[in-house]
Amino acid sequence: MSDQASVVSIVRCPGYEHPHVADAVRAAVESAGLLESFEGRKSVLLKPNLLSARRPEDAVTTHPAVVEAVAGIARDFGCRLMIGDSPPFAGENPAKYAALLDRTGMSDAAQRTEAELVRFESDVVRVSNPSGRFYRSFEVARAAVDSDLIVSVSKFKTHGLTGITGAVKNLFGCVPGIRKGLFHVQAAENRQTFAQMLVDLTAALPQGLHVMDAVVGMDSEGPSAGRPRRVGLILASADPVALDAVVSAIVGIDPMSIDTTRLAHEQRLGCGSPGWIQILGESIQDVRIPDFVPSSGVNDWARIPKPIRNLLRRKLLAVPQFNSGKCIGCGECADVCPVKALTPTRPPRVDLAACIRCYCCHEVCPASAVRLKRGLLARLVQGR
């Protein structure tokens, strides 16, 4: 975390009508000192939250007016624009993805701003984060890596697994298609493990800008079954952790109760304490929402009976196996294991109940003694 204070701008926005939202987005971006970030950029990727094929007024997805307002700023700098996401299920199917873009209003927004619509599943690349605590590499959309600037245009909502879905969680959409589901199977048994995965992913992706659509958010049982809730704000920052911390404070949620915020703050990947953040525009106190209803904490993964969850883990995830003939007994795999699931014998013993399938042991083994054994279902799902 830089010694320089993180900056978050808060701007009131009464609705999605033009020019209210365009003026609010520009004011937020300019106040946060982010306008110059567009200078000299040839290509800009706008990454909204397109969770499902829902109408903009349902408050499930980023409103197209906010995306269009950000696109307008980029166009002023002569940038080539792309708009893309990887919605669950729909992203794997080009026809369903096109229908989702129509339903959410993104097709019209792209047409009006001359932006290219990209489907993240169509081109995937692996990125590394050697300093990741649990996960050290990810397969992500090439557009998120090859664009000169990525602007995450998140939607503020509650979330059963992560507490809120905001700037940090929105970056999970850069992981294409079924790969996101596999992370849920890998990490969602433990909320902190899932949150750490999101933090590791945030650090692995190129640094970008963050604009949050909190004009109408969602409280109660988000991210899709909650109550659309007028918050009336646009927020912007270069620090996604600070942005999530500030919006949490606005609605009365302790920022450090959000695992992604707390873990990223502790690992100095962003600022999670509003007292250490330079807040411009409106103050938190002046825009506070006193009766915002948080999530109950029940999520879709937890609703699946545990025996079935365990079966999914066994069938869908590769298992690390150790070759006794190749193992040199160095213990590096046990040292690097973030959850201490390995006993440093020769070969190591693995506690599969504790193993989170991060495969750090496979990555660090100097003798190539670790094989990732995939079952038939895992090979079918992952296309291998």
Protein backbone atom coordinates (compact mmCIF):
# COMPACT_ATOMS: atom_id res chain seq x y z
CA MET A 1 0.00 0.00 0.00
CA SER A 2 1.48 3.31 -1.03
CA ASP A 3 2.36 5.91 1.61
CA GLN A 4 0.29 8.33 -0.46
CA ALA A 5 -3.32 8.46 0.71
CA SER A 6 -5.91 6.69 -1.39
CA VAL A 7 -8.49 9.05 -2.87
CA VAL A 8 -12.20 8.33 -3.26
CA SER A 9 -14.61 10.84 -4.73
CA ILE A 10 -18.31 10.81 -3.87
CA VAL A 11 -20.78 12.67 -6.11
CA ARG A 12 -24.54 12.85 -5.73
CA CYS A 13 -26.55 11.59 -8.70
CA PRO A 14 -30.35 11.76 -8.50
CA GLY A 15 -31.03 9.35 -11.37
CA TYR A 16 -29.89 7.81 -14.61
CA GLU A 17 -31.30 10.52 -16.85
CA HIS A 18 -28.93 12.37 -19.11
CA PRO A 19 -27.22 14.71 -18.32
CA HIS A 20 -27.39 13.95 -14.56
CA VAL A 21 -25.42 10.73 -14.73
CA ALA A 22 -22.93 12.02 -17.32
CA ASP A 23 -22.19 15.08 -15.21
CA ALA A 24 -21.90 13.02 -12.01
CA VAL A 25 -19.54 10.45 -13.54
CA ARG A 26 -17.31 13.13 -15.03
CA ALA A 27 -17.25 15.03 -11.74
CA ALA A 28 -16.34 11.89 -9.80
CA VAL A 29 -13.58 10.89 -12.21
CA GLU A 30 -12.17 14.41 -12.37
CA SER A 31 -12.35 14.98 -8.61
CA ALA A 32 -10.46 11.74 -7.97
CA GLY A 33 -7.70 12.91 -10.32
CA LEU A 34 -8.31 10.12 -12.81
CA LEU A 35 -8.88 12.07 -16.02
CA GLU A 36 -5.20 12.08 -16.93
CA SER A 37 -5.21 8.28 -16.77
CA PHE A 38 -6.96 8.24 -20.15
CA GLU A 39 -4.25 10.33 -21.84
CA GLY A 40 -2.26 8.41 -24.44
CA ARG A 41 -4.31 5.23 -24.07
CA LYS A 42 -5.15 3.62 -27.38
CA SER A 43 -7.59 1.04 -26.04
CA VAL A 44 -9.82 1.09 -22.96
CA LEU A 45 -11.84 -1.85 -21.64
CA LEU A 46 -14.98 -1.01 -19.70
CA LYS A 47 -15.88 -3.91 -17.41
CA PRO A 48 -19.43 -3.60 -15.99
CA ASN A 49 -21.22 -6.07 -13.73
CA LEU A 50 -23.44 -8.09 -16.08
CA LEU A 51 -24.50 -10.81 -13.67
CA SER A 52 -27.57 -11.94 -15.60
CA ALA A 53 -30.01 -10.97 -18.32
CA ARG A 54 -31.99 -8.49 -16.26
CA ARG A 55 -33.38 -5.06 -17.09
CA PRO A 56 -31.37 -2.05 -15.90
CA GLU A 57 -34.16 -1.00 -13.52
CA ASP A 58 -33.85 -4.31 -11.64
CA ALA A 59 -30.55 -3.04 -10.16
CA VAL A 60 -28.84 -6.39 -10.76
CA THR A 61 -26.41 -5.09 -13.39
CA THR A 62 -24.43 -1.91 -13.92
CA HIS A 63 -26.75 0.65 -15.48
CA PRO A 64 -25.87 1.30 -19.15
CA ALA A 65 -26.09 5.07 -18.58
CA VAL A 66 -23.10 4.87 -16.22
CA VAL A 67 -21.12 2.77 -18.69
CA GLU A 68 -22.00 5.19 -21.45
CA ALA A 69 -20.87 8.14 -19.32
CA VAL A 70 -17.48 6.55 -18.69
CA ALA A 71 -17.22 5.72 -22.38
CA GLY A 72 -17.86 9.37 -23.20
CA ILE A 73 -14.83 10.40 -21.16
CA ALA A 74 -12.64 7.83 -22.89
CA ARG A 75 -13.86 8.95 -26.31
CA ASP A 76 -12.89 12.54 -25.48
CA PHE A 77 -9.31 11.26 -25.29
CA GLY A 78 -9.57 9.39 -28.59
CA CYS A 79 -9.49 5.93 -27.03
CA ARG A 80 -10.76 2.82 -28.79
CA LEU A 81 -13.47 1.33 -26.58
CA MET A 82 -14.38 -2.20 -25.60
CA ILE A 83 -17.18 -3.34 -23.29
CA GLY A 84 -17.13 -6.86 -21.91
CA ASP A 85 -17.83 -9.23 -19.04
CA SER A 86 -18.20 -12.94 -18.39
CA PRO A 87 -21.69 -13.62 -17.01
CA PRO A 88 -22.26 -17.04 -15.47
CA PHE A 89 -23.66 -19.49 -18.04
CA ALA A 90 -24.48 -16.85 -20.67
CA GLY A 91 -20.83 -16.06 -21.33
CA GLU A 92 -20.14 -19.54 -22.65
CA ASN A 93 -22.81 -19.21 -25.34
CA PRO A 94 -22.44 -16.40 -27.93
CA ALA A 95 -26.18 -16.25 -28.62
CA LYS A 96 -27.09 -16.06 -24.92
CA TYR A 97 -24.40 -13.46 -24.34
CA ALA A 98 -25.79 -11.33 -27.17
CA ALA A 99 -29.28 -11.63 -25.68
CA LEU A 100 -27.96 -10.60 -22.27
CA LEU A 101 -26.25 -7.54 -23.76
CA ASP A 102 -29.54 -6.54 -25.34
CA ARG A 103 -31.54 -7.10 -22.17
CA THR A 104 -29.14 -5.15 -19.95
CA GLY A 105 -28.96 -2.22 -22.36
CA MET A 106 -25.25 -2.72 -23.11
CA SER A 107 -25.81 -3.27 -26.82
CA ASP A 108 -27.42 0.14 -27.17
CA ALA A 109 -24.74 1.76 -25.02
CA ALA A 110 -22.04 0.22 -27.20
CA GLN A 111 -23.74 1.37 -30.38
CA ARG A 112 -24.09 4.94 -29.13
CA THR A 113 -20.44 5.12 -28.06
CA GLU A 114 -18.98 3.10 -30.96
CA ALA A 115 -17.59 0.55 -28.51
CA GLU A 116 -16.73 -3.02 -29.44
CA LEU A 117 -18.58 -5.67 -27.47
CA VAL A 118 -16.21 -8.44 -26.40
CA ARG A 119 -16.99 -11.86 -24.96
CA PHE A 120 -14.33 -12.80 -22.46
CA GLU A 121 -14.54 -16.54 -23.14
CA SER A 122 -13.40 -16.04 -26.72
CA ASP A 123 -9.75 -15.33 -25.83
CA VAL A 124 -8.11 -16.33 -22.55
CA VAL A 125 -4.61 -15.82 -21.19
CA ARG A 126 -2.89 -16.84 -17.94
CA VAL A 127 -1.54 -14.15 -15.60
CA SER A 128 0.76 -14.69 -12.64
CA ASN A 129 0.90 -13.20 -9.17
CA PRO A 130 3.95 -14.79 -7.51
CA SER A 131 3.23 -12.97 -4.26
CA GLY A 132 -0.35 -14.26 -4.04
CA ARG A 133 -1.16 -15.66 -0.64
CA PHE A 134 -3.33 -18.57 -1.87
CA TYR A 135 -3.56 -18.34 -5.68
CA ARG A 136 -0.58 -17.40 -7.82
CA SER A 137 -1.97 -17.61 -11.33
CA PHE A 138 -5.32 -17.11 -13.04
CA GLU A 139 -6.81 -17.60 -16.46
CA VAL A 140 -8.42 -14.30 -17.41
CA ALA A 141 -9.84 -12.57 -20.46
CA ARG A 142 -7.09 -11.40 -22.79
CA ALA A 143 -8.93 -8.09 -23.20
CA ALA A 144 -8.34 -7.35 -19.51
CA VAL A 145 -4.59 -7.76 -19.98
CA ASP A 146 -4.01 -6.41 -23.48
CA SER A 147 -6.05 -3.20 -23.20
CA ASP A 148 -4.09 -0.09 -22.29
CA LEU A 149 -6.50 0.67 -19.47
CA ILE A 150 -9.23 -1.30 -17.73
CA VAL A 151 -12.04 0.64 -16.08
CA SER A 152 -14.16 -1.45 -13.73
CA VAL A 153 -17.69 -0.02 -13.66
CA SER A 154 -19.13 -1.89 -10.72
CA LYS A 155 -22.63 -2.07 -9.27
CA PHE A 156 -23.03 -1.66 -5.53
CA LYS A 157 -25.01 -4.54 -4.04
CA THR A 158 -25.03 -6.87 -1.07
CA HIS A 159 -23.71 -10.39 -1.54
CA GLY A 160 -24.33 -13.55 0.47
CA LEU A 161 -20.77 -14.82 0.26
CA THR A 162 -18.67 -11.64 0.31
CA GLY A 163 -20.94 -9.23 2.18
CA ILE A 164 -20.91 -6.71 -0.63
CA THR A 165 -20.16 -6.83 -4.32
CA GLY A 166 -18.36 -3.72 -5.40
CA ALA A 167 -15.05 -2.78 -6.98
CA VAL A 168 -12.97 -5.78 -5.86
CA LYS A 169 -15.64 -8.41 -6.52
CA ASN A 170 -16.41 -6.94 -9.95
CA LEU A 171 -12.94 -7.95 -11.15
CA PHE A 172 -13.90 -11.60 -10.69
CA GLY A 173 -15.79 -11.21 -13.97
CA CYS A 174 -12.43 -11.08 -15.75
CA VAL A 175 -12.17 -14.82 -15.05
CA PRO A 176 -14.08 -16.35 -17.97
CA GLY A 177 -17.00 -18.71 -17.82
CA ILE A 178 -16.91 -22.02 -16.06
CA ARG A 179 -13.59 -21.11 -14.45
CA LYS A 180 -15.48 -18.87 -12.03
CA GLY A 181 -17.64 -21.82 -11.04
CA LEU A 182 -14.57 -23.90 -10.33
CA PHE A 183 -13.28 -21.20 -7.98
CA HIS A 184 -16.58 -21.36 -6.15
CA VAL A 185 -16.11 -25.11 -5.78
CA GLN A 186 -12.49 -24.63 -4.72
CA ALA A 187 -12.78 -21.74 -2.32
CA ALA A 188 -16.37 -21.09 -1.27
CA GLU A 189 -16.34 -23.64 1.58
CA ASN A 190 -14.51 -20.95 3.52
CA ARG A 191 -15.44 -17.28 3.10
CA GLN A 192 -11.95 -16.06 3.88
CA THR A 193 -10.43 -18.42 1.32
CA PHE A 194 -12.82 -17.12 -1.33
CA ALA A 195 -12.08 -13.53 -0.32
CA GLN A 196 -8.33 -14.16 -0.48
CA MET A 197 -8.76 -15.58 -3.96
CA LEU A 198 -10.42 -12.30 -5.00
CA VAL A 199 -7.61 -10.31 -3.40
CA ASP A 200 -4.97 -12.42 -5.17
CA LEU A 201 -6.81 -11.89 -8.46
CA THR A 202 -6.99 -8.12 -7.92
CA ALA A 203 -3.21 -8.05 -7.44
CA ALA A 204 -2.65 -10.20 -10.54
CA LEU A 205 -4.61 -7.96 -12.90
CA PRO A 206 -3.23 -4.74 -14.35
CA GLN A 207 -3.98 -1.71 -12.21
CA GLY A 208 -6.95 0.23 -13.53
CA LEU A 209 -9.63 2.72 -12.57
CA HIS A 210 -12.85 2.11 -10.69
CA VAL A 211 -16.21 3.82 -11.08
CA MET A 212 -19.14 2.60 -8.98
CA ASP A 213 -22.81 2.78 -9.92
CA ALA A 214 -24.51 3.38 -6.58
CA VAL A 215 -27.35 5.47 -7.96
CA VAL A 216 -29.68 2.55 -7.31
CA GLY A 217 -27.96 -0.26 -5.47
CA MET A 218 -29.34 -3.39 -3.84
CA ASP A 219 -29.72 -4.29 -0.18
CA SER A 220 -30.97 -7.41 1.64
CA GLU A 221 -30.43 -10.61 -0.36
CA GLY A 222 -28.18 -9.42 -3.18
CA PRO A 223 -26.61 -9.81 -5.64
CA SER A 224 -29.79 -10.65 -7.57
CA ALA A 225 -32.69 -11.37 -5.21
CA GLY A 226 -32.48 -8.30 -3.00
CA ARG A 227 -34.31 -4.99 -2.95
CA PRO A 228 -33.36 -2.19 -5.36
CA ARG A 229 -32.32 0.62 -3.06
CA ARG A 230 -31.74 4.23 -4.02
CA VAL A 231 -28.36 5.40 -2.77
CA GLY A 232 -28.03 8.31 -5.19
CA LEU A 233 -24.27 8.27 -5.64
CA ILE A 234 -21.46 7.80 -8.14
CA LEU A 235 -18.05 6.99 -6.65
CA ALA A 236 -14.62 6.81 -8.28
CA SER A 237 -11.11 5.83 -7.22
CA ALA A 238 -7.88 4.25 -8.41
CA ASP A 239 -8.01 2.04 -5.28
CA PRO A 240 -10.79 -0.58 -5.39
CA VAL A 241 -10.26 -1.49 -1.74
CA ALA A 242 -10.74 2.11 -0.62
CA LEU A 243 -13.80 2.44 -2.83
CA ASP A 244 -15.42 -0.62 -1.24
CA ALA A 245 -14.48 0.64 2.24
CA VAL A 246 -16.09 4.02 1.67
CA VAL A 247 -19.34 2.68 0.22
CA SER A 248 -19.55 0.16 3.07
CA ALA A 249 -19.24 2.98 5.58
CA ILE A 250 -21.94 4.96 3.77
CA VAL A 251 -24.48 2.16 4.28
CA GLY A 252 -23.44 1.41 7.86
CA ILE A 253 -21.36 -1.71 7.24
CA ASP A 254 -18.02 -1.92 9.04
CA PRO A 255 -15.49 -2.00 6.16
CA MET A 256 -13.28 -4.43 8.05
CA SER A 257 -16.18 -6.88 8.33
CA ILE A 258 -15.85 -7.34 4.55
CA ASP A 259 -13.17 -10.00 4.14
CA THR A 260 -11.87 -8.72 0.80
CA THR A 261 -11.42 -5.22 2.26
CA ARG A 262 -9.76 -6.42 5.44
CA LEU A 263 -7.41 -8.90 3.76
CA ALA A 264 -6.35 -6.46 1.04
CA HIS A 265 -5.76 -3.78 3.66
CA GLU A 266 -3.67 -6.12 5.81
CA GLN A 267 -1.60 -7.11 2.77
CA ARG A 268 -1.10 -3.45 1.79
CA LEU A 269 -2.87 -3.87 -1.54
CA GLY A 270 -5.24 -0.98 -0.84
CA CYS A 271 -6.63 1.09 1.99
CA GLY A 272 -9.60 -0.33 3.87
CA SER A 273 -9.85 2.26 6.62
CA PRO A 274 -11.99 5.31 5.74
CA GLY A 275 -10.06 7.35 8.31
CA TRP A 276 -6.95 6.99 6.18
CA ILE A 277 -8.66 7.74 2.88
CA GLN A 278 -8.86 11.19 1.33
CA ILE A 279 -12.54 11.62 0.55
CA LEU A 280 -13.47 14.32 -1.94
CA GLY A 281 -16.86 15.70 -2.88
CA GLU A 282 -19.56 14.65 -0.43
CA SER A 283 -18.67 13.44 3.05
CA ILE A 284 -19.64 9.99 4.28
CA GLN A 285 -21.74 11.53 7.03
CA ASP A 286 -23.75 13.69 4.63
CA VAL A 287 -24.75 10.79 2.38
CA ARG A 288 -25.09 8.03 4.95
CA ILE A 289 -27.94 5.52 4.49
CA PRO A 290 -29.22 4.73 8.00
CA ASP A 291 -31.60 1.87 7.22
CA PHE A 292 -29.68 -0.14 4.63
CA VAL A 293 -30.38 -3.87 5.09
CA PRO A 294 -27.25 -6.05 4.88
CA SER A 295 -27.17 -9.57 3.48
CA SER A 296 -28.18 -12.43 5.73
CA GLY A 297 -24.99 -14.19 4.65
CA VAL A 298 -26.76 -17.09 3.00
CA ASN A 299 -25.35 -17.77 -0.47
CA ASP A 300 -26.21 -20.09 -3.32
CA TRP A 301 -23.23 -22.38 -2.68
CA ALA A 302 -24.17 -22.82 0.99
CA ARG A 303 -27.72 -23.79 -0.01
CA ILE A 304 -26.38 -26.93 -1.70
CA PRO A 305 -26.33 -29.83 0.80
CA LYS A 306 -22.82 -30.46 2.07
CA PRO A 307 -22.58 -34.07 0.79
CA ILE A 308 -23.31 -32.78 -2.71
CA ARG A 309 -20.77 -29.97 -2.30
CA ASN A 310 -18.15 -32.49 -1.27
CA LEU A 311 -19.02 -34.67 -4.24
CA LEU A 312 -18.63 -31.71 -6.59
CA ARG A 313 -15.22 -30.94 -5.14
CA ARG A 314 -14.08 -34.53 -5.67
CA LYS A 315 -15.41 -34.78 -9.21
CA LEU A 316 -14.60 -31.32 -10.54
CA LEU A 317 -11.25 -30.46 -8.99
CA ALA A 318 -7.84 -31.91 -9.67
CA VAL A 319 -6.06 -33.60 -6.78
CA PRO A 320 -2.32 -33.15 -6.19
CA GLN A 321 -0.50 -36.47 -6.25
CA PHE A 322 3.17 -36.94 -5.32
CA ASN A 323 5.56 -39.21 -7.20
CA SER A 324 7.72 -41.01 -4.63
CA GLY A 325 10.35 -41.79 -7.26
CA LYS A 326 10.82 -38.12 -8.18
CA CYS A 327 10.32 -36.51 -4.76
CA ILE A 328 13.61 -35.32 -3.24
CA GLY A 329 12.15 -34.54 0.17
CA CYS A 330 13.03 -30.84 0.08
CA GLY A 331 9.84 -29.76 1.84
CA GLU A 332 9.26 -26.72 -0.36
CA CYS A 333 5.70 -27.82 -1.10
CA ALA A 334 4.85 -27.98 2.60
CA ASP A 335 6.49 -24.62 3.22
CA VAL A 336 4.47 -22.90 0.50
CA CYS A 337 1.11 -24.53 1.29
CA PRO A 338 -1.07 -21.65 2.55
CA VAL A 339 -3.39 -23.88 4.59
CA LYS A 340 -0.76 -26.34 5.87
CA ALA A 341 -2.44 -29.32 4.23
CA LEU A 342 0.89 -31.08 3.56
CA THR A 343 3.03 -33.08 5.94
CA PRO A 344 6.69 -32.87 4.77
CA THR A 345 7.41 -36.59 4.52
CA ARG A 346 8.93 -38.19 1.42
CA PRO A 347 6.67 -38.06 -0.46
CA PRO A 348 4.46 -35.56 1.40
CA ARG A 349 1.10 -36.59 2.80
CA VAL A 350 -1.81 -34.41 1.73
CA ASP A 351 -4.90 -33.71 3.79
CA LEU A 352 -7.50 -33.48 1.03
CA ALA A 353 -10.13 -32.17 3.43
CA ALA A 354 -7.94 -29.14 4.19
CA CYS A 355 -6.51 -28.74 0.66
CA ILE A 356 -8.03 -25.76 -1.16
CA ARG A 357 -6.71 -26.85 -4.57
CA CYS A 358 -4.55 -23.76 -5.08
CA TYR A 359 -1.83 -26.02 -6.55
CA CYS A 360 1.03 -23.98 -5.11
CA CYS A 361 2.79 -27.31 -4.42
CA HIS A 362 2.67 -28.11 -8.12
CA GLU A 363 4.10 -24.71 -9.04
CA VAL A 364 7.08 -24.73 -6.65
CA CYS A 365 8.22 -28.37 -6.81
CA PRO A 366 11.82 -28.32 -8.12
CA ALA A 367 11.70 -31.99 -9.04
CA SER A 368 8.39 -31.98 -10.96
CA ALA A 369 7.16 -34.61 -8.54
CA VAL A 370 3.61 -33.25 -8.27
CA ARG A 371 0.95 -34.33 -10.72
CA LEU A 372 -2.54 -32.84 -10.83
CA LYS A 373 -4.85 -35.78 -11.27
CA ARG A 374 -8.12 -34.79 -12.92
CA GLY A 375 -11.16 -36.98 -13.03
CA LEU A 376 -13.15 -37.49 -16.22
CA LEU A 377 -15.76 -34.87 -15.25
CA ALA A 378 -13.07 -32.32 -14.48
CA ARG A 379 -11.43 -32.90 -17.86
CA LEU A 380 -14.77 -32.50 -19.64
CA VAL A 381 -15.66 -29.27 -17.82
CA GLN A 382 -12.24 -27.71 -18.31
CA GLY A 383 -11.90 -28.85 -21.90
CA ARG A 384 -8.76 -30.87 -21.27
